[in-house]
Amino acid sequence: MKENICGEFLRKKRQQCGLTQYQLGMLLKVSDKAVSKWENGLAKPKSQLLHPLSVILGVTVDGLLTGEESPKRKGKSCFMEERHKSLWDRAYDNLRKRYTDMPPIEMISRFETEKLALINTDMLLFFDLISQISENASEKGCPICMEGGTGASFVAYLLGASDVNPLPAHYYCPVCRRVEFVACVRDGWELERKYCSGCHTLLVRDGHNIPFEIYRHVIGKNTGFDLVVSKYFYAEAEEKIRQYFGDYITVLNPPAGILKKRDLSRMATYVIQLSDMQAKSEEDSLFCSHEEYYEYISDKPYINLLGKEDHEKWIALRRLVNISENEIDFLENQVQQALFKGDIRAVPNWGLYNLPLLFEKFPIRNLQDALQLYGIALCATALSGCEAASYLKRQINLWDVIPYRDDVFCDIYSKMREHGYLETGFAFRVMDHTRKGFYYHNGVDRYIRKVLLNIGVSERYIACLEETIYLFPKVQGVIQLRYTLIFLWYKIHYPEEYQAVIGGKEETVLSPTI
C-alpha cells in the first residue's frame, strides 16, 4: 500500500460520503486517531477491515490498496447500478408528491444527509424489496409489521419500507400537503387535534423525532431487517426475496430456542451478500446454539421473516371488521383514555409481558409517558431473568429514566449545540456506549464525565447512563404502542368481533383466500 497516495484517496472517499473521521471510526469500531493515521500515511488498516471499509466508502478493496478508482465488482455493479438511480429518483419524487414541489428545508436537509450516508451502500435495495413485500401483503389483506431501527430513515419512509415518520413533530394536511413543525413537543403524537386553516381538514399529527445518526452503526455492515409476516402471506414473502436477490442468498435455519426466546411461531433468515466477487449459491445452514447463529450474521446484511401469534390476531381482526388501521383514528381521546387507565390486559402485548405491571406501577398522563413505559418493557426483554427482575424492581422516576438510545443522542447533542458544538461524533459515542451497557459495566470515565458536565449534563443524568444495561431504538417503542392503540380502538368500537378474535376463535371467523 502506497501510504501517502492511499491515505489521500481514503480521505477523499470519506469526505464524499459525508463522514467525519470519528464517524468512520465508529462504523469500523476503531478510533478517529486510527483513521487519521491511515489518511496521513502513518499506518495501514488491518486486513480484516479492508472489506467493511470498502463497502462503507463504495469502492473496491483493490481501490483502497492502490489509491485509485477501479471498476466495481461485477456481481455488485450489475445488480446495483440498474436500480440505484431510479430508487433515489423515486424517493425524491415521493418527497415532492407528499409535501409539495417545495418541501420544507428540514425535509430536504434530512434527505440529503441520508443520501450522503446511503448512496454507496445496498440499503436502498433492501428498502425497495421491503416496500414491495409490504405493498403486496397489504393488497392481500395481510400487512407486514416492521421491527428494528429502519424507522430512523426518512428515505425508508418515503420508499414505503417503514410506517414510522422520523422527522420532528409536525402537523400535516393530506389535502393542502402543508407542514407545520412544532418545536415544543418531543413526539408528534403529543400534539392536540387541529384543523387546517386553509381547507379545514383534520390535520395528521406525525413525526417521532428520530435522529438518523442512531442508524449509522449498521450502515455498510450487519444491517438486519425483521419483518413480521402473516402465515397466509409467508410463502409469498419468501418467494419475493428469492426473486429479488436470486443467487446472492444464503438461507439460515436459526436454533429452535430462538423462537421461544423471541415469542415467535416461525422464523427464517435470509443473508444477502451483494458485495461478493461472485454470486453466492443458496445453501441451508444449521446452527446448534444461539452463539453460533448470532456470530455468523454479526457482520452480514440479512432479512428475518418472523411469525407471531399476536400479529395473526391483528390480521384476523382487521379482516373480520373490514376496516384497516389506515382508516381509523387510533389517537382519538377515547382510545387514549383507555390506555392511560391501563386497560391493556386484554390487548396482545407483542412479547412485552411486563407492560401490565408497569402500567400499575407508573400512572401515565400522556402518550409520551406511555412511550417511556414501552422503552422500559423493551429493555427488560433483552436482559436475563435476574437482570430483568432487578431492572424492573428499581425505584426509578418514570420521567427521569432513559428509555431509548435516540433520547441519549438527542439529549447530549442538544446540550452540545447550546455550547456551539455542531459535530455529532461525541453524542454518537455516548449513545453507542450507553445502548450496549458499556457505562453500566465500566462506568463513565473521567474524561467523558468532565465533557458532559462542561456542556451542562447533570450528575443524575450521568448516573442514568451508568444504570443502563441496554437500549432499543425509539422506533420499536413507537411500533409497539401503535399496535396497542389500534387494538384498543377495535376493542372499543367492535367489542363482539374483538372478543371473538382475542378469545381464540379467529380461525372460525376468518378463512382468508389468498
Protein backbone atom coordinates (compact mmCIF):
# COMPACT_ATOMS: atom_id res chain seq x y z
CA MET A 1 0.00 0.00 0.00
CA LYS A 2 1.44 3.35 -1.02
CA GLU A 3 0.67 5.09 2.21
CA ASN A 4 0.63 8.72 1.06
CA ILE A 5 -1.39 8.07 -2.12
CA CYS A 6 -3.78 5.66 -0.46
CA GLY A 7 -4.24 7.95 2.53
CA GLU A 8 -5.30 10.84 0.30
CA PHE A 9 -7.64 8.51 -1.60
CA LEU A 10 -9.17 7.33 1.67
CA ARG A 11 -9.67 10.92 2.87
CA LYS A 12 -11.31 11.87 -0.43
CA LYS A 13 -13.77 8.96 -0.38
CA ARG A 14 -14.62 9.54 3.31
CA GLN A 15 -15.42 13.20 2.65
CA GLN A 16 -17.52 12.28 -0.40
CA CYS A 17 -19.59 10.06 1.89
CA GLY A 18 -20.13 12.94 4.31
CA LEU A 19 -18.42 11.15 7.20
CA THR A 20 -16.09 12.63 9.79
CA GLN A 21 -13.03 10.67 10.90
CA TYR A 22 -14.85 9.92 14.13
CA GLN A 23 -17.99 8.62 12.38
CA LEU A 24 -15.98 6.37 10.06
CA GLY A 25 -14.07 5.07 13.06
CA MET A 26 -17.31 4.31 14.89
CA LEU A 27 -18.62 2.34 11.90
CA LEU A 28 -15.42 0.27 11.89
CA LYS A 29 -15.09 0.13 15.70
CA VAL A 30 -11.72 1.92 15.67
CA SER A 31 -10.72 5.34 17.00
CA ASP A 32 -10.69 8.56 14.99
CA LYS A 33 -6.92 8.67 15.65
CA ALA A 34 -6.56 5.40 13.77
CA VAL A 35 -8.44 6.85 10.79
CA SER A 36 -6.25 9.97 10.94
CA LYS A 37 -3.12 7.82 10.82
CA TRP A 38 -4.40 5.96 7.76
CA GLU A 39 -5.14 9.20 5.94
CA ASN A 40 -1.75 10.69 6.82
CA GLY A 41 0.13 7.59 5.67
CA LEU A 42 1.36 6.74 9.18
CA ALA A 43 -0.42 3.37 9.37
CA LYS A 44 -2.48 0.92 7.32
CA PRO A 45 -5.95 -0.51 8.06
CA LYS A 46 -5.80 -4.10 9.27
CA SER A 47 -6.60 -6.68 6.63
CA GLN A 48 -9.92 -7.65 8.27
CA LEU A 49 -11.07 -4.02 7.99
CA LEU A 50 -10.49 -3.67 4.25
CA HIS A 51 -13.76 -5.29 3.18
CA PRO A 52 -16.10 -3.37 5.53
CA LEU A 53 -14.14 -0.18 4.74
CA SER A 54 -14.61 -0.74 1.01
CA VAL A 55 -18.35 -1.32 1.49
CA ILE A 56 -18.81 1.87 3.54
CA LEU A 57 -16.87 4.02 1.05
CA GLY A 58 -18.33 2.38 -2.05
CA VAL A 59 -15.00 1.31 -3.56
CA THR A 60 -13.23 -1.98 -4.15
CA VAL A 61 -10.55 -3.42 -1.89
CA ASP A 62 -8.15 -3.04 -4.83
CA GLY A 63 -9.02 0.65 -4.94
CA LEU A 64 -8.10 1.01 -1.27
CA LEU A 65 -4.79 -0.80 -1.83
CA THR A 66 -3.81 1.17 -4.93
CA GLY A 67 -5.35 4.53 -4.11
CA GLU A 68 -7.10 4.62 -7.47
CA GLU A 69 -10.65 4.39 -8.71
CA SER A 70 -11.15 0.90 -10.12
CA PRO A 71 -14.06 -0.92 -11.68
CA LYS A 72 -16.57 -2.13 -9.16
CA ARG A 73 -17.09 -5.85 -8.63
CA LYS A 74 -19.04 -7.37 -11.46
CA GLY A 75 -21.52 -9.11 -9.20
CA LYS A 76 -22.32 -5.94 -7.33
CA SER A 77 -22.28 -3.37 -10.14
CA CYS A 78 -24.60 -5.30 -12.43
CA PHE A 79 -27.12 -5.72 -9.65
CA MET A 80 -26.92 -2.28 -8.07
CA GLU A 81 -26.34 0.18 -10.89
CA GLU A 82 -29.54 -0.81 -12.67
CA ARG A 83 -31.67 0.14 -9.70
CA HIS A 84 -29.93 2.74 -7.56
CA LYS A 85 -30.51 5.85 -9.63
CA SER A 86 -34.18 5.03 -10.21
CA LEU A 87 -34.66 4.37 -6.48
CA TRP A 88 -33.14 7.72 -5.49
CA ASP A 89 -35.28 9.43 -8.14
CA ARG A 90 -38.36 7.65 -6.81
CA ALA A 91 -37.59 8.65 -3.22
CA TYR A 92 -37.20 12.31 -4.23
CA ASP A 93 -40.36 12.20 -6.36
CA ASN A 94 -42.28 10.75 -3.39
CA LEU A 95 -40.94 13.57 -1.22
CA ARG A 96 -42.33 16.17 -3.60
CA LYS A 97 -45.63 14.36 -4.17
CA ARG A 98 -46.32 14.12 -0.45
CA TYR A 99 -45.03 17.53 0.65
CA THR A 100 -45.47 19.73 -2.49
CA ASP A 101 -42.81 20.66 -5.05
CA MET A 102 -41.15 22.90 -2.47
CA PRO A 103 -40.74 20.75 0.67
CA PRO A 104 -39.57 22.48 3.86
CA ILE A 105 -35.80 22.84 4.23
CA GLU A 106 -35.89 20.46 7.23
CA MET A 107 -37.01 17.66 4.89
CA ILE A 108 -34.59 18.49 2.09
CA SER A 109 -31.70 18.62 4.56
CA ARG A 110 -32.65 15.27 6.13
CA PHE A 111 -32.99 13.68 2.68
CA GLU A 112 -29.59 14.90 1.52
CA THR A 113 -27.91 13.91 4.81
CA GLU A 114 -29.18 10.37 4.45
CA LYS A 115 -28.25 10.25 0.79
CA LEU A 116 -24.60 11.00 1.61
CA ALA A 117 -24.55 8.10 4.06
CA LEU A 118 -26.53 5.60 1.98
CA ILE A 119 -25.58 6.28 -1.63
CA ASN A 120 -22.63 3.86 -1.69
CA THR A 121 -24.44 1.08 0.17
CA ASP A 122 -27.02 -1.58 -0.69
CA MET A 123 -29.59 -0.14 1.71
CA LEU A 124 -31.99 1.21 -0.93
CA LEU A 125 -32.26 -2.26 -2.45
CA PHE A 126 -33.45 -3.59 0.89
CA PHE A 127 -35.85 -0.65 1.27
CA ASP A 128 -37.21 -1.33 -2.21
CA LEU A 129 -37.73 -5.03 -1.54
CA ILE A 130 -39.42 -4.40 1.81
CA SER A 131 -41.74 -1.81 0.25
CA GLN A 132 -42.71 -4.32 -2.46
CA ILE A 133 -43.39 -7.03 0.12
CA SER A 134 -45.38 -4.55 2.23
CA GLU A 135 -47.46 -3.40 -0.74
CA ASN A 136 -48.22 -6.94 -1.90
CA ALA A 137 -49.07 -8.06 1.63
CA SER A 138 -51.46 -5.13 2.14
CA GLU A 139 -53.20 -5.91 -1.14
CA LYS A 140 -53.83 -9.44 0.16
CA GLY A 141 -55.19 -8.12 3.47
CA CYS A 142 -52.16 -9.33 5.43
CA PRO A 143 -49.96 -6.27 6.06
CA ILE A 144 -46.50 -6.85 7.49
CA CYS A 145 -45.05 -5.31 10.65
CA MET A 146 -41.51 -3.93 10.59
CA GLU A 147 -39.31 -4.23 13.66
CA GLY A 148 -35.88 -2.75 14.32
CA GLY A 149 -34.24 0.58 13.53
CA THR A 150 -35.35 1.05 9.91
CA GLY A 151 -37.75 3.78 11.07
CA ALA A 152 -34.75 6.03 11.70
CA SER A 153 -34.50 6.57 7.94
CA PHE A 154 -36.64 9.21 6.23
CA VAL A 155 -35.69 7.67 2.86
CA ALA A 156 -37.07 4.30 4.02
CA TYR A 157 -40.31 6.09 4.98
CA LEU A 158 -40.52 7.80 1.57
CA LEU A 159 -40.00 4.49 -0.25
CA GLY A 160 -42.66 2.72 1.82
CA ALA A 161 -40.28 0.47 3.76
CA SER A 162 -41.33 1.99 7.10
CA ASP A 163 -44.58 3.30 8.58
CA VAL A 164 -42.74 5.48 11.11
CA ASN A 165 -42.02 9.09 10.16
CA PRO A 166 -38.68 10.02 11.81
CA LEU A 167 -38.96 13.80 11.30
CA PRO A 168 -39.50 16.19 14.23
CA ALA A 169 -43.08 16.61 15.49
CA HIS A 170 -45.35 18.29 12.96
CA TYR A 171 -48.86 18.74 11.60
CA TYR A 172 -49.53 17.59 8.05
CA CYS A 173 -52.54 18.40 5.86
CA PRO A 174 -53.30 15.48 3.49
CA VAL A 175 -55.23 17.84 1.19
CA CYS A 176 -53.11 21.00 1.06
CA ARG A 177 -49.91 18.99 1.79
CA ARG A 178 -48.67 21.75 4.04
CA VAL A 179 -46.43 21.02 7.03
CA GLU A 180 -46.16 22.86 10.33
CA PHE A 181 -43.28 21.81 12.59
CA VAL A 182 -43.78 22.20 16.35
CA ALA A 183 -40.65 22.50 18.49
CA CYS A 184 -42.22 22.38 21.97
CA VAL A 185 -43.04 18.64 21.98
CA ARG A 186 -40.83 15.57 21.63
CA ASP A 187 -43.27 13.48 19.60
CA GLY A 188 -46.00 14.27 17.08
CA TRP A 189 -48.49 12.13 18.97
CA GLU A 190 -48.38 14.70 21.78
CA LEU A 191 -49.93 17.38 19.55
CA GLU A 192 -53.53 18.49 20.09
CA ARG A 193 -56.18 17.86 17.43
CA LYS A 194 -56.16 20.68 14.93
CA TYR A 195 -57.80 21.57 11.62
CA CYS A 196 -56.15 23.09 8.57
CA SER A 197 -56.63 26.85 8.40
CA GLY A 198 -56.92 26.66 4.61
CA CYS A 199 -59.20 23.70 3.82
CA HIS A 200 -60.47 22.83 7.33
CA THR A 201 -59.29 19.22 7.01
CA LEU A 202 -58.32 17.42 10.23
CA LEU A 203 -54.54 17.57 10.33
CA VAL A 204 -52.40 14.47 10.71
CA ARG A 205 -50.24 14.52 13.85
CA ASP A 206 -46.94 12.99 12.84
CA GLY A 207 -43.18 12.91 13.38
CA HIS A 208 -41.38 10.97 16.11
CA ASN A 209 -38.13 12.96 16.26
CA ILE A 210 -35.82 10.02 15.48
CA PRO A 211 -32.28 11.09 14.52
CA PHE A 212 -30.68 9.29 11.59
CA GLU A 213 -27.39 9.10 13.49
CA ILE A 214 -28.63 6.20 15.62
CA TYR A 215 -28.75 4.12 12.43
CA ARG A 216 -25.17 4.83 11.34
CA HIS A 217 -23.61 1.97 13.29
CA VAL A 218 -25.19 -0.62 10.97
CA ILE A 219 -24.73 1.09 7.60
CA GLY A 220 -22.46 -0.95 5.36
CA LYS A 221 -22.20 -3.71 7.96
CA ASN A 222 -24.70 -6.03 9.59
CA THR A 223 -27.88 -4.32 8.50
CA GLY A 224 -30.72 -6.50 9.72
CA PHE A 225 -34.40 -6.25 8.84
CA ASP A 226 -37.07 -8.04 10.88
CA LEU A 227 -40.38 -8.48 9.03
CA VAL A 228 -43.32 -9.95 10.91
CA VAL A 229 -45.38 -11.69 8.22
CA SER A 230 -48.73 -13.44 8.42
CA LYS A 231 -48.78 -17.20 7.90
CA TYR A 232 -51.15 -16.56 4.99
CA PHE A 233 -48.51 -14.49 3.18
CA TYR A 234 -45.31 -16.15 4.43
CA ALA A 235 -44.64 -18.25 1.33
CA GLU A 236 -45.15 -15.27 -0.99
CA ALA A 237 -42.75 -13.16 1.09
CA GLU A 238 -40.12 -15.90 0.85
CA GLU A 239 -40.57 -16.12 -2.90
CA LYS A 240 -40.32 -12.35 -3.27
CA ILE A 241 -36.93 -12.32 -1.51
CA ARG A 242 -35.66 -15.17 -3.69
CA GLN A 243 -36.80 -13.43 -6.88
CA TYR A 244 -35.28 -10.09 -5.89
CA PHE A 245 -31.83 -11.24 -4.76
CA GLY A 246 -31.51 -14.55 -6.57
CA ASP A 247 -28.20 -16.35 -6.07
CA TYR A 248 -26.94 -13.83 -3.52
CA ILE A 249 -28.95 -15.51 -0.76
CA THR A 250 -27.90 -17.91 1.97
CA VAL A 251 -30.85 -19.40 3.88
CA LEU A 252 -30.34 -19.96 7.60
CA ASN A 253 -32.34 -22.12 9.98
CA PRO A 254 -31.98 -20.46 13.41
CA PRO A 255 -31.89 -22.65 16.54
CA ALA A 256 -35.34 -23.59 17.81
CA GLY A 257 -34.63 -21.90 21.15
CA ILE A 258 -34.67 -18.50 19.46
CA LEU A 259 -38.36 -18.94 18.62
CA LYS A 260 -39.27 -19.32 22.29
CA LYS A 261 -36.94 -16.55 23.41
CA ARG A 262 -38.39 -14.07 20.91
CA ASP A 263 -42.00 -15.24 21.28
CA LEU A 264 -42.16 -16.43 17.67
CA SER A 265 -44.12 -19.17 15.95
CA ARG A 266 -41.85 -19.19 12.90
CA MET A 267 -38.54 -17.72 11.71
CA ALA A 268 -36.28 -17.86 8.65
CA THR A 269 -33.15 -15.82 8.00
CA TYR A 270 -32.03 -14.74 4.53
CA VAL A 271 -28.44 -13.48 4.40
CA ILE A 272 -27.84 -11.33 1.31
CA GLN A 273 -24.22 -10.62 0.34
CA LEU A 274 -24.15 -8.46 -2.79
CA SER A 275 -20.50 -7.49 -2.37
CA ASP A 276 -19.08 -10.95 -3.02
CA MET A 277 -16.80 -11.28 -6.03
CA GLN A 278 -19.12 -13.96 -7.42
CA ALA A 279 -22.77 -14.69 -6.86
CA LYS A 280 -23.29 -16.83 -3.76
CA SER A 281 -25.19 -20.07 -4.29
CA GLU A 282 -28.02 -20.81 -1.90
CA GLU A 283 -27.47 -23.32 0.87
CA ASP A 284 -29.16 -24.32 4.08
CA SER A 285 -27.18 -23.70 7.25
CA LEU A 286 -27.94 -25.31 10.61
CA PHE A 287 -26.93 -23.90 13.98
CA CYS A 288 -26.86 -25.70 17.29
CA SER A 289 -26.61 -22.66 19.54
CA HIS A 290 -27.65 -19.01 19.70
CA GLU A 291 -23.98 -18.02 19.82
CA GLU A 292 -23.15 -19.77 16.53
CA TYR A 293 -26.13 -18.21 14.80
CA TYR A 294 -25.54 -14.63 16.01
CA GLU A 295 -21.80 -14.90 15.33
CA TYR A 296 -22.50 -15.91 11.74
CA ILE A 297 -24.83 -13.00 11.00
CA SER A 298 -22.90 -10.43 13.07
CA ASP A 299 -21.24 -8.82 10.04
CA LYS A 300 -23.73 -9.67 7.29
CA PRO A 301 -26.87 -7.97 5.98
CA TYR A 302 -29.96 -10.12 6.41
CA ILE A 303 -33.74 -10.25 6.38
CA ASN A 304 -35.62 -12.17 9.05
CA LEU A 305 -39.12 -13.36 8.23
CA LEU A 306 -40.90 -13.79 11.55
CA GLY A 307 -44.23 -15.28 12.53
CA LYS A 308 -46.08 -14.08 15.66
CA GLU A 309 -49.40 -15.14 17.11
CA ASP A 310 -50.26 -11.56 18.11
CA HIS A 311 -49.74 -10.48 14.51
CA GLU A 312 -52.14 -13.20 13.32
CA LYS A 313 -54.77 -11.89 15.75
CA TRP A 314 -54.38 -8.40 14.32
CA ILE A 315 -54.77 -9.72 10.74
CA ALA A 316 -57.86 -11.73 11.73
CA LEU A 317 -59.44 -8.75 13.50
CA ARG A 318 -58.94 -6.23 10.71
CA ARG A 319 -60.32 -8.69 8.15
CA LEU A 320 -63.33 -9.55 10.29
CA VAL A 321 -64.19 -5.89 10.90
CA ASN A 322 -63.15 -4.99 7.32
CA ILE A 323 -61.52 -1.75 8.49
CA SER A 324 -57.78 -1.26 8.18
CA GLU A 325 -55.55 0.64 10.59
CA ASN A 326 -55.18 3.39 7.97
CA GLU A 327 -58.91 4.15 8.15
CA ILE A 328 -59.14 4.73 11.91
CA ASP A 329 -58.10 7.45 14.32
CA PHE A 330 -56.26 5.44 16.94
CA LEU A 331 -55.22 8.69 18.64
CA GLU A 332 -58.81 9.63 19.49
CA ASN A 333 -59.42 10.66 23.12
CA GLN A 334 -61.47 7.58 24.00
CA VAL A 335 -58.63 5.28 22.96
CA GLN A 336 -56.01 7.35 24.78
CA GLN A 337 -58.05 7.39 27.97
CA ALA A 338 -58.39 3.60 27.86
CA LEU A 339 -54.60 3.39 27.57
CA PHE A 340 -54.00 5.84 30.43
CA LYS A 341 -56.27 3.76 32.67
CA GLY A 342 -54.07 0.75 31.98
CA ASP A 343 -56.79 -1.08 30.07
CA ILE A 344 -54.28 -3.28 28.25
CA ARG A 345 -54.52 -6.68 29.92
CA ALA A 346 -56.92 -7.88 27.23
CA VAL A 347 -54.71 -6.47 24.48
CA PRO A 348 -51.94 -8.55 22.82
CA ASN A 349 -48.62 -7.43 24.29
CA TRP A 350 -46.27 -8.48 21.42
CA GLY A 351 -43.93 -10.18 23.88
CA LEU A 352 -43.82 -7.31 26.40
CA TYR A 353 -45.15 -9.35 29.31
CA ASN A 354 -44.22 -6.75 31.92
CA LEU A 355 -46.41 -3.99 30.47
CA PRO A 356 -49.48 -4.51 32.73
CA LEU A 357 -47.28 -4.40 35.82
CA LEU A 358 -45.53 -1.27 34.60
CA PHE A 359 -48.86 0.44 33.94
CA GLU A 360 -49.86 -0.36 37.52
CA LYS A 361 -46.57 0.90 38.92
CA PHE A 362 -46.44 4.13 36.91
CA PRO A 363 -49.66 6.08 36.33
CA ILE A 364 -49.26 7.81 32.98
CA ARG A 365 -50.59 11.17 31.86
CA ASN A 366 -49.96 11.20 28.11
CA LEU A 367 -48.60 9.21 25.18
CA GLN A 368 -45.05 10.38 25.90
CA ASP A 369 -45.28 8.67 29.29
CA ALA A 370 -46.62 5.56 27.56
CA LEU A 371 -43.65 5.56 25.18
CA GLN A 372 -41.37 5.69 28.23
CA LEU A 373 -43.04 2.56 29.63
CA TYR A 374 -42.71 0.71 26.34
CA GLY A 375 -38.99 1.55 26.29
CA ILE A 376 -38.58 0.13 29.80
CA ALA A 377 -40.51 -3.02 28.86
CA LEU A 378 -38.39 -3.49 25.73
CA CYS A 379 -35.18 -3.20 27.73
CA ALA A 380 -36.42 -5.90 30.09
CA THR A 381 -36.90 -8.30 27.17
CA ALA A 382 -33.20 -8.01 26.25
CA LEU A 383 -31.98 -8.90 29.75
CA SER A 384 -31.57 -12.19 31.53
CA GLY A 385 -34.21 -13.18 34.09
CA CYS A 386 -32.23 -11.89 37.08
CA GLU A 387 -31.16 -8.69 35.35
CA ALA A 388 -34.71 -8.01 34.14
CA ALA A 389 -36.17 -8.52 37.61
CA SER A 390 -33.58 -6.22 39.15
CA TYR A 391 -34.13 -3.60 36.44
CA LEU A 392 -37.91 -3.58 36.87
CA LYS A 393 -37.79 -3.51 40.68
CA ARG A 394 -35.57 -0.44 40.86
CA GLN A 395 -37.21 2.62 42.36
CA ILE A 396 -37.00 4.89 39.36
CA ASN A 397 -38.79 8.04 38.39
CA LEU A 398 -40.58 7.41 35.10
CA TRP A 399 -39.81 10.91 33.88
CA ASP A 400 -36.13 10.59 34.78
CA VAL A 401 -35.36 7.26 33.13
CA ILE A 402 -33.69 6.93 29.71
CA PRO A 403 -35.87 4.58 27.63
CA TYR A 404 -34.33 4.75 24.14
CA ARG A 405 -30.95 5.21 22.50
CA ASP A 406 -32.43 8.09 20.47
CA ASP A 407 -33.03 10.04 23.68
CA VAL A 408 -29.38 9.78 24.69
CA PHE A 409 -28.22 11.14 21.35
CA CYS A 410 -30.81 13.95 21.29
CA ASP A 411 -30.17 14.95 24.93
CA ILE A 412 -26.38 15.11 24.53
CA TYR A 413 -26.46 16.76 21.12
CA SER A 414 -28.91 19.46 22.26
CA LYS A 415 -26.51 20.35 25.10
CA MET A 416 -23.62 20.46 22.63
CA ARG A 417 -25.49 22.80 20.31
CA GLU A 418 -26.23 25.16 23.19
CA HIS A 419 -22.46 25.49 23.59
CA GLY A 420 -21.79 25.92 19.86
CA TYR A 421 -20.59 22.37 19.09
CA LEU A 422 -22.31 21.17 15.90
CA GLU A 423 -20.43 17.92 15.16
CA THR A 424 -22.40 14.82 16.17
CA GLY A 425 -19.46 12.50 16.91
CA PHE A 426 -19.35 12.90 20.69
CA ALA A 427 -23.12 12.48 21.10
CA PHE A 428 -22.97 9.38 18.91
CA ARG A 429 -20.18 7.91 21.03
CA VAL A 430 -22.05 8.42 24.31
CA MET A 431 -25.21 6.97 22.79
CA ASP A 432 -23.39 3.96 21.35
CA HIS A 433 -21.63 3.15 24.63
CA THR A 434 -24.86 3.60 26.60
CA ARG A 435 -27.02 1.38 24.37
CA LYS A 436 -24.58 -1.53 24.71
CA GLY A 437 -24.22 -1.19 28.50
CA PHE A 438 -20.57 -0.10 28.34
CA TYR A 439 -21.05 2.51 31.06
CA TYR A 440 -23.09 0.04 33.12
CA HIS A 441 -20.15 -2.37 33.24
CA ASN A 442 -17.25 0.11 33.25
CA GLY A 443 -18.65 3.44 34.44
CA VAL A 444 -18.29 6.80 32.67
CA ASP A 445 -14.58 7.57 32.56
CA ARG A 446 -13.14 10.79 33.93
CA TYR A 447 -12.67 12.49 30.54
CA ILE A 448 -16.22 11.77 29.27
CA ARG A 449 -17.69 12.81 32.62
CA LYS A 450 -15.81 16.12 32.51
CA VAL A 451 -17.00 16.89 28.98
CA LEU A 452 -20.60 16.03 29.89
CA LEU A 453 -20.52 18.25 32.96
CA ASN A 454 -18.94 21.10 30.96
CA ILE A 455 -21.82 21.14 28.47
CA GLY A 456 -24.43 21.14 31.24
CA VAL A 457 -25.31 17.46 31.66
CA SER A 458 -26.34 16.76 35.28
CA GLU A 459 -24.74 14.24 37.61
CA ARG A 460 -28.12 12.49 37.83
CA TYR A 461 -28.21 12.05 34.05
CA ILE A 462 -24.69 10.61 34.07
CA ALA A 463 -25.85 8.20 36.78
CA CYS A 464 -28.71 7.16 34.48
CA LEU A 465 -26.18 6.39 31.73
CA GLU A 466 -24.34 4.14 34.19
CA GLU A 467 -27.56 2.38 35.21
CA THR A 468 -28.48 1.46 31.63
CA ILE A 469 -27.83 -2.13 30.56
CA TYR A 470 -29.30 -1.97 27.05
CA LEU A 471 -31.41 0.41 24.96
CA PHE A 472 -33.69 -0.22 21.98
CA PRO A 473 -34.31 2.32 19.19
CA LYS A 474 -37.35 4.53 19.75
CA VAL A 475 -38.98 3.30 16.56
CA GLN A 476 -39.50 -0.08 18.23
CA GLY A 477 -41.47 1.52 21.06
CA VAL A 478 -43.49 3.59 18.57
CA ILE A 479 -44.43 0.44 16.66
CA GLN A 480 -45.42 -1.48 19.79
CA LEU A 481 -47.50 1.41 21.18
CA ARG A 482 -49.15 1.99 17.80
CA TYR A 483 -50.46 -1.56 17.68
CA THR A 484 -51.69 -1.35 21.25
CA LEU A 485 -53.69 1.76 20.33
CA ILE A 486 -55.05 0.04 17.21
CA PHE A 487 -56.18 -2.98 19.23
CA LEU A 488 -57.81 -0.68 21.80
CA TRP A 489 -59.70 1.11 19.01
CA TYR A 490 -61.10 -2.19 17.75
CA LYS A 491 -61.91 -3.26 21.32
CA ILE A 492 -63.88 -0.06 21.97
CA HIS A 493 -65.73 0.17 18.66
CA TYR A 494 -66.20 -3.53 17.81
CA PRO A 495 -66.32 -5.36 21.16
CA GLU A 496 -68.05 -8.53 19.89
CA GLU A 497 -65.69 -9.04 16.99
CA TYR A 498 -62.75 -8.23 19.25
CA GLN A 499 -63.80 -10.86 21.77
CA ALA A 500 -64.31 -13.44 19.02
CA VAL A 501 -60.72 -12.99 17.79
CA ILE A 502 -58.85 -12.33 21.03
CA GLY A 503 -60.82 -15.13 22.66
CA GLY A 504 -59.01 -17.55 20.36
CA LYS A 505 -61.73 -18.15 17.74
CA GLU A 506 -60.12 -16.32 14.84
CA GLU A 507 -59.82 -19.50 12.74
CA THR A 508 -63.61 -19.86 12.82
CA VAL A 509 -64.30 -16.27 11.86
CA LEU A 510 -61.54 -15.91 9.29
CA SER A 511 -60.92 -18.15 6.31
CA PRO A 512 -58.80 -15.98 4.00
CA THR A 513 -58.41 -16.84 0.36
CA ILE A 514 -55.08 -15.52 -0.85
